[in-house]
Amino acid sequence: MAINNVALTTTAANIFVNTSGTSAITTIHLCNYSSGAVTANIYAVPAGSIAGSSTIIYSNVTITSDNTLIINAEKFILGSAGDRIMANVSANSTTTATVSSIGI
């Protein structure tokens, strides 16, 4: 199992990239460590595509101050090298993404 941590910004950034083989995302945590609420977007982006309306899986989800959004009910299977999970938030220096994954 692997853990990947990324500080989020207002620009969609990779929080996990499948480098080879097949990977399963077991959990995604978005932790808002700021004193105000933020909104977050998460994208499941196939290799060669971009983050946008056709790849968004969570849109403008509010994360209250000092709270964490946990996504663990469904596993995301990334089957091609370059498939990735991306995210952004409404304010810089507020939120960290932690992704747990496993090769399958």
N, C-alpha and C. Protein backbone atom coordinates (compact mmCIF):
# COMPACT_ATOMS: atom_id res chain seq x y z
N MET A 1 0.85 -1.17 0.00
CA MET A 1 0.00 0.00 0.00
C MET A 1 0.90 1.23 0.00
N ALA A 2 0.44 2.27 -0.67
CA ALA A 2 1.21 3.51 -0.76
C ALA A 2 0.36 4.68 -0.28
N ILE A 3 1.03 5.64 0.29
CA ILE A 3 0.38 6.88 0.75
C ILE A 3 1.00 8.03 -0.03
N ASN A 4 0.15 8.93 -0.52
CA ASN A 4 0.61 10.10 -1.26
C ASN A 4 -0.06 11.33 -0.67
N ASN A 5 0.73 12.35 -0.29
CA ASN A 5 0.21 13.60 0.27
C ASN A 5 0.52 14.75 -0.67
N VAL A 6 -0.48 15.63 -0.87
CA VAL A 6 -0.31 16.79 -1.76
C VAL A 6 -1.03 17.98 -1.15
N ALA A 7 -0.34 19.13 -1.08
CA ALA A 7 -0.98 20.39 -0.69
C ALA A 7 -1.78 20.89 -1.88
N LEU A 8 -3.07 21.16 -1.67
CA LEU A 8 -3.93 21.57 -2.77
C LEU A 8 -3.93 23.08 -2.97
N THR A 9 -4.20 23.49 -4.20
CA THR A 9 -4.32 24.90 -4.55
C THR A 9 -5.61 25.08 -5.34
N THR A 10 -5.81 26.27 -5.85
CA THR A 10 -7.00 26.56 -6.64
C THR A 10 -6.92 25.96 -8.05
N THR A 11 -5.75 25.52 -8.46
CA THR A 11 -5.55 24.89 -9.77
C THR A 11 -5.56 23.39 -9.60
N ALA A 12 -6.33 22.68 -10.41
CA ALA A 12 -6.39 21.22 -10.32
C ALA A 12 -5.00 20.63 -10.49
N ALA A 13 -4.62 19.76 -9.54
CA ALA A 13 -3.30 19.14 -9.54
C ALA A 13 -3.45 17.64 -9.31
N ASN A 14 -2.46 16.90 -9.77
CA ASN A 14 -2.44 15.46 -9.53
C ASN A 14 -2.31 15.17 -8.05
N ILE A 15 -3.20 14.31 -7.55
CA ILE A 15 -3.02 13.82 -6.18
C ILE A 15 -2.64 12.34 -6.19
N PHE A 16 -2.82 11.69 -7.35
CA PHE A 16 -2.32 10.34 -7.57
C PHE A 16 -2.20 10.12 -9.06
N VAL A 17 -1.08 9.53 -9.48
CA VAL A 17 -0.88 9.17 -10.89
C VAL A 17 -0.51 7.70 -10.95
N ASN A 18 -1.23 6.94 -11.76
CA ASN A 18 -0.92 5.54 -11.98
C ASN A 18 0.26 5.48 -12.95
N THR A 19 1.38 4.95 -12.49
CA THR A 19 2.59 4.95 -13.32
C THR A 19 2.71 3.71 -14.19
N SER A 20 2.15 2.59 -13.75
CA SER A 20 2.19 1.36 -14.56
C SER A 20 1.24 0.34 -13.96
N GLY A 21 0.88 -0.65 -14.75
CA GLY A 21 0.00 -1.70 -14.24
C GLY A 21 -1.37 -1.16 -13.87
N THR A 22 -1.97 -1.76 -12.84
CA THR A 22 -3.28 -1.36 -12.38
C THR A 22 -3.19 -1.01 -10.91
N SER A 23 -3.81 0.09 -10.51
CA SER A 23 -3.82 0.52 -9.12
C SER A 23 -5.26 0.74 -8.66
N ALA A 24 -5.49 0.51 -7.38
CA ALA A 24 -6.78 0.80 -6.77
C ALA A 24 -6.58 1.90 -5.74
N ILE A 25 -7.41 2.92 -5.81
CA ILE A 25 -7.42 3.96 -4.79
C ILE A 25 -8.34 3.46 -3.68
N THR A 26 -7.78 3.29 -2.47
CA THR A 26 -8.58 2.75 -1.38
C THR A 26 -9.26 3.84 -0.57
N THR A 27 -8.60 4.97 -0.37
CA THR A 27 -9.23 6.11 0.30
C THR A 27 -8.63 7.41 -0.20
N ILE A 28 -9.44 8.46 -0.13
CA ILE A 28 -8.99 9.83 -0.39
C ILE A 28 -9.45 10.66 0.80
N HIS A 29 -8.52 11.38 1.41
CA HIS A 29 -8.84 12.31 2.51
C HIS A 29 -8.47 13.72 2.07
N LEU A 30 -9.39 14.65 2.20
CA LEU A 30 -9.09 16.06 1.99
C LEU A 30 -9.28 16.74 3.32
N CYS A 31 -8.19 17.20 3.91
CA CYS A 31 -8.21 17.80 5.24
C CYS A 31 -8.08 19.32 5.15
N ASN A 32 -9.13 20.01 5.57
CA ASN A 32 -9.12 21.48 5.62
C ASN A 32 -8.60 21.89 6.99
N TYR A 33 -7.38 22.40 7.03
CA TYR A 33 -6.76 22.80 8.29
C TYR A 33 -6.87 24.31 8.53
N SER A 34 -7.72 24.99 7.78
CA SER A 34 -7.86 26.44 7.91
C SER A 34 -9.02 26.79 8.84
N SER A 35 -9.16 28.08 9.11
CA SER A 35 -10.21 28.55 10.01
C SER A 35 -11.52 28.85 9.29
N GLY A 36 -11.57 28.62 7.99
CA GLY A 36 -12.79 28.86 7.22
C GLY A 36 -13.13 27.68 6.33
N ALA A 37 -14.36 27.63 5.86
CA ALA A 37 -14.79 26.56 4.95
C ALA A 37 -14.15 26.75 3.57
N VAL A 38 -13.92 25.63 2.89
CA VAL A 38 -13.46 25.64 1.50
C VAL A 38 -14.36 24.71 0.69
N THR A 39 -14.34 24.87 -0.61
CA THR A 39 -15.00 23.91 -1.49
C THR A 39 -13.94 23.17 -2.27
N ALA A 40 -14.23 21.91 -2.58
CA ALA A 40 -13.26 21.06 -3.26
C ALA A 40 -13.89 20.39 -4.47
N ASN A 41 -13.06 20.14 -5.46
CA ASN A 41 -13.43 19.37 -6.64
C ASN A 41 -12.44 18.22 -6.77
N ILE A 42 -12.94 17.04 -7.15
CA ILE A 42 -12.09 15.89 -7.39
C ILE A 42 -12.44 15.33 -8.77
N TYR A 43 -11.40 14.95 -9.50
CA TYR A 43 -11.55 14.47 -10.87
C TYR A 43 -10.89 13.10 -11.03
N ALA A 44 -11.52 12.19 -11.78
CA ALA A 44 -10.91 10.93 -12.21
C ALA A 44 -10.59 11.11 -13.69
N VAL A 45 -9.31 11.23 -14.00
CA VAL A 45 -8.89 11.66 -15.33
C VAL A 45 -8.15 10.53 -16.05
N PRO A 46 -8.72 10.02 -17.14
CA PRO A 46 -8.02 9.00 -17.93
C PRO A 46 -6.75 9.58 -18.57
N ALA A 47 -5.80 8.71 -18.84
CA ALA A 47 -4.56 9.12 -19.51
C ALA A 47 -4.90 9.90 -20.77
N GLY A 48 -4.25 11.03 -20.97
CA GLY A 48 -4.45 11.83 -22.16
C GLY A 48 -5.59 12.83 -22.07
N SER A 49 -6.36 12.80 -20.99
CA SER A 49 -7.48 13.73 -20.80
C SER A 49 -7.08 14.82 -19.81
N ILE A 50 -8.00 15.78 -19.61
CA ILE A 50 -7.75 16.87 -18.67
C ILE A 50 -8.87 16.92 -17.64
N ALA A 51 -8.58 17.58 -16.51
CA ALA A 51 -9.60 17.80 -15.48
C ALA A 51 -10.62 18.79 -16.02
N GLY A 52 -11.89 18.44 -15.90
CA GLY A 52 -12.95 19.32 -16.39
C GLY A 52 -14.30 18.70 -16.14
N SER A 53 -15.31 19.25 -16.80
CA SER A 53 -16.68 18.82 -16.55
C SER A 53 -16.91 17.36 -16.94
N SER A 54 -16.14 16.82 -17.85
CA SER A 54 -16.35 15.42 -18.25
C SER A 54 -15.63 14.42 -17.34
N THR A 55 -14.77 14.91 -16.43
CA THR A 55 -14.02 14.01 -15.55
C THR A 55 -14.27 14.26 -14.07
N ILE A 56 -15.12 15.22 -13.73
CA ILE A 56 -15.35 15.56 -12.33
C ILE A 56 -16.20 14.47 -11.65
N ILE A 57 -15.79 14.09 -10.43
CA ILE A 57 -16.56 13.09 -9.68
C ILE A 57 -17.11 13.65 -8.37
N TYR A 58 -16.52 14.72 -7.86
CA TYR A 58 -17.05 15.47 -6.71
C TYR A 58 -16.95 16.94 -7.07
N SER A 59 -18.07 17.65 -7.02
CA SER A 59 -18.11 19.04 -7.48
C SER A 59 -18.52 19.97 -6.35
N ASN A 60 -17.66 20.95 -6.07
CA ASN A 60 -17.94 22.00 -5.08
C ASN A 60 -18.44 21.46 -3.75
N VAL A 61 -17.76 20.44 -3.24
CA VAL A 61 -18.09 19.86 -1.94
C VAL A 61 -17.52 20.77 -0.86
N THR A 62 -18.36 21.19 0.08
CA THR A 62 -17.91 22.06 1.16
C THR A 62 -17.25 21.23 2.26
N ILE A 63 -16.06 21.69 2.66
CA ILE A 63 -15.35 21.09 3.79
C ILE A 63 -15.24 22.20 4.84
N THR A 64 -15.90 22.02 5.95
CA THR A 64 -15.90 23.05 6.99
C THR A 64 -14.54 23.17 7.65
N SER A 65 -14.37 24.24 8.41
CA SER A 65 -13.11 24.52 9.11
C SER A 65 -12.67 23.33 9.95
N ASP A 66 -11.38 23.00 9.87
CA ASP A 66 -10.78 21.93 10.67
C ASP A 66 -11.55 20.62 10.55
N ASN A 67 -11.93 20.27 9.32
CA ASN A 67 -12.67 19.04 9.08
C ASN A 67 -12.06 18.30 7.89
N THR A 68 -12.42 17.03 7.74
CA THR A 68 -11.86 16.20 6.68
C THR A 68 -12.97 15.51 5.89
N LEU A 69 -12.89 15.59 4.57
CA LEU A 69 -13.74 14.83 3.68
C LEU A 69 -13.05 13.49 3.43
N ILE A 70 -13.75 12.39 3.72
CA ILE A 70 -13.18 11.06 3.53
C ILE A 70 -14.01 10.33 2.49
N ILE A 71 -13.32 9.84 1.45
CA ILE A 71 -13.98 9.09 0.38
C ILE A 71 -13.42 7.68 0.44
N ASN A 72 -14.25 6.73 0.90
CA ASN A 72 -13.77 5.36 1.03
C ASN A 72 -14.84 4.31 0.74
N ALA A 73 -16.00 4.73 0.28
CA ALA A 73 -17.09 3.79 0.05
C ALA A 73 -16.91 2.99 -1.24
N GLU A 74 -16.24 3.57 -2.22
CA GLU A 74 -16.05 2.92 -3.51
C GLU A 74 -14.58 3.03 -3.90
N LYS A 75 -14.02 1.97 -4.46
CA LYS A 75 -12.62 1.98 -4.89
C LYS A 75 -12.54 2.44 -6.34
N PHE A 76 -11.57 3.27 -6.63
CA PHE A 76 -11.33 3.71 -8.01
C PHE A 76 -10.21 2.85 -8.58
N ILE A 77 -10.47 2.19 -9.71
CA ILE A 77 -9.48 1.34 -10.35
C ILE A 77 -8.90 2.11 -11.53
N LEU A 78 -7.58 2.29 -11.49
CA LEU A 78 -6.87 2.98 -12.57
C LEU A 78 -6.08 1.93 -13.33
N GLY A 79 -6.49 1.66 -14.57
CA GLY A 79 -5.94 0.53 -15.32
C GLY A 79 -4.87 0.86 -16.32
N SER A 80 -4.66 2.13 -16.61
CA SER A 80 -3.67 2.51 -17.62
C SER A 80 -2.64 3.45 -17.03
N ALA A 81 -1.40 3.32 -17.48
CA ALA A 81 -0.38 4.28 -17.07
C ALA A 81 -0.83 5.67 -17.49
N GLY A 82 -0.76 6.62 -16.58
CA GLY A 82 -1.19 7.98 -16.87
C GLY A 82 -2.58 8.31 -16.38
N ASP A 83 -3.40 7.29 -16.04
CA ASP A 83 -4.67 7.56 -15.39
C ASP A 83 -4.36 8.25 -14.06
N ARG A 84 -5.20 9.22 -13.65
CA ARG A 84 -4.87 9.95 -12.43
C ARG A 84 -6.10 10.49 -11.73
N ILE A 85 -5.90 10.80 -10.47
CA ILE A 85 -6.90 11.49 -9.67
C ILE A 85 -6.35 12.90 -9.44
N MET A 86 -7.19 13.91 -9.68
CA MET A 86 -6.78 15.30 -9.52
C MET A 86 -7.76 16.00 -8.58
N ALA A 87 -7.32 17.10 -7.98
CA ALA A 87 -8.21 17.86 -7.09
C ALA A 87 -7.77 19.31 -7.03
N ASN A 88 -8.72 20.16 -6.64
CA ASN A 88 -8.42 21.56 -6.35
C ASN A 88 -9.40 22.05 -5.29
N VAL A 89 -9.06 23.16 -4.66
CA VAL A 89 -9.90 23.76 -3.62
C VAL A 89 -10.07 25.24 -3.90
N SER A 90 -10.98 25.86 -3.16
CA SER A 90 -11.32 27.26 -3.42
C SER A 90 -10.32 28.26 -2.85
N ALA A 91 -9.41 27.82 -1.99
CA ALA A 91 -8.43 28.74 -1.40
C ALA A 91 -7.10 28.02 -1.20
N ASN A 92 -6.00 28.68 -1.56
CA ASN A 92 -4.67 28.11 -1.37
C ASN A 92 -4.32 28.03 0.12
N SER A 93 -3.37 27.17 0.44
CA SER A 93 -2.82 27.02 1.80
C SER A 93 -3.90 26.70 2.83
N THR A 94 -4.82 25.79 2.47
CA THR A 94 -5.90 25.43 3.38
C THR A 94 -6.10 23.93 3.52
N THR A 95 -5.70 23.16 2.51
CA THR A 95 -6.15 21.77 2.43
C THR A 95 -5.04 20.86 1.93
N THR A 96 -4.96 19.69 2.55
CA THR A 96 -4.03 18.65 2.11
C THR A 96 -4.82 17.43 1.66
N ALA A 97 -4.42 16.86 0.54
CA ALA A 97 -5.01 15.60 0.06
C ALA A 97 -4.08 14.45 0.43
N THR A 98 -4.66 13.38 0.97
CA THR A 98 -3.93 12.16 1.24
C THR A 98 -4.65 11.03 0.52
N VAL A 99 -3.89 10.31 -0.30
CA VAL A 99 -4.46 9.21 -1.09
C VAL A 99 -3.76 7.93 -0.70
N SER A 100 -4.56 6.90 -0.43
CA SER A 100 -4.04 5.57 -0.17
C SER A 100 -4.34 4.71 -1.38
N SER A 101 -3.33 3.99 -1.87
CA SER A 101 -3.51 3.16 -3.07
C SER A 101 -2.78 1.85 -2.91
N ILE A 102 -3.16 0.90 -3.78
CA ILE A 102 -2.50 -0.39 -3.79
C ILE A 102 -2.46 -0.90 -5.23
N GLY A 103 -1.36 -1.49 -5.61
CA GLY A 103 -1.26 -2.11 -6.94
C GLY A 103 -2.04 -3.42 -6.94
N ILE A 104 -2.72 -3.68 -8.06
CA ILE A 104 -3.47 -4.95 -8.15
C ILE A 104 -3.15 -5.65 -9.46
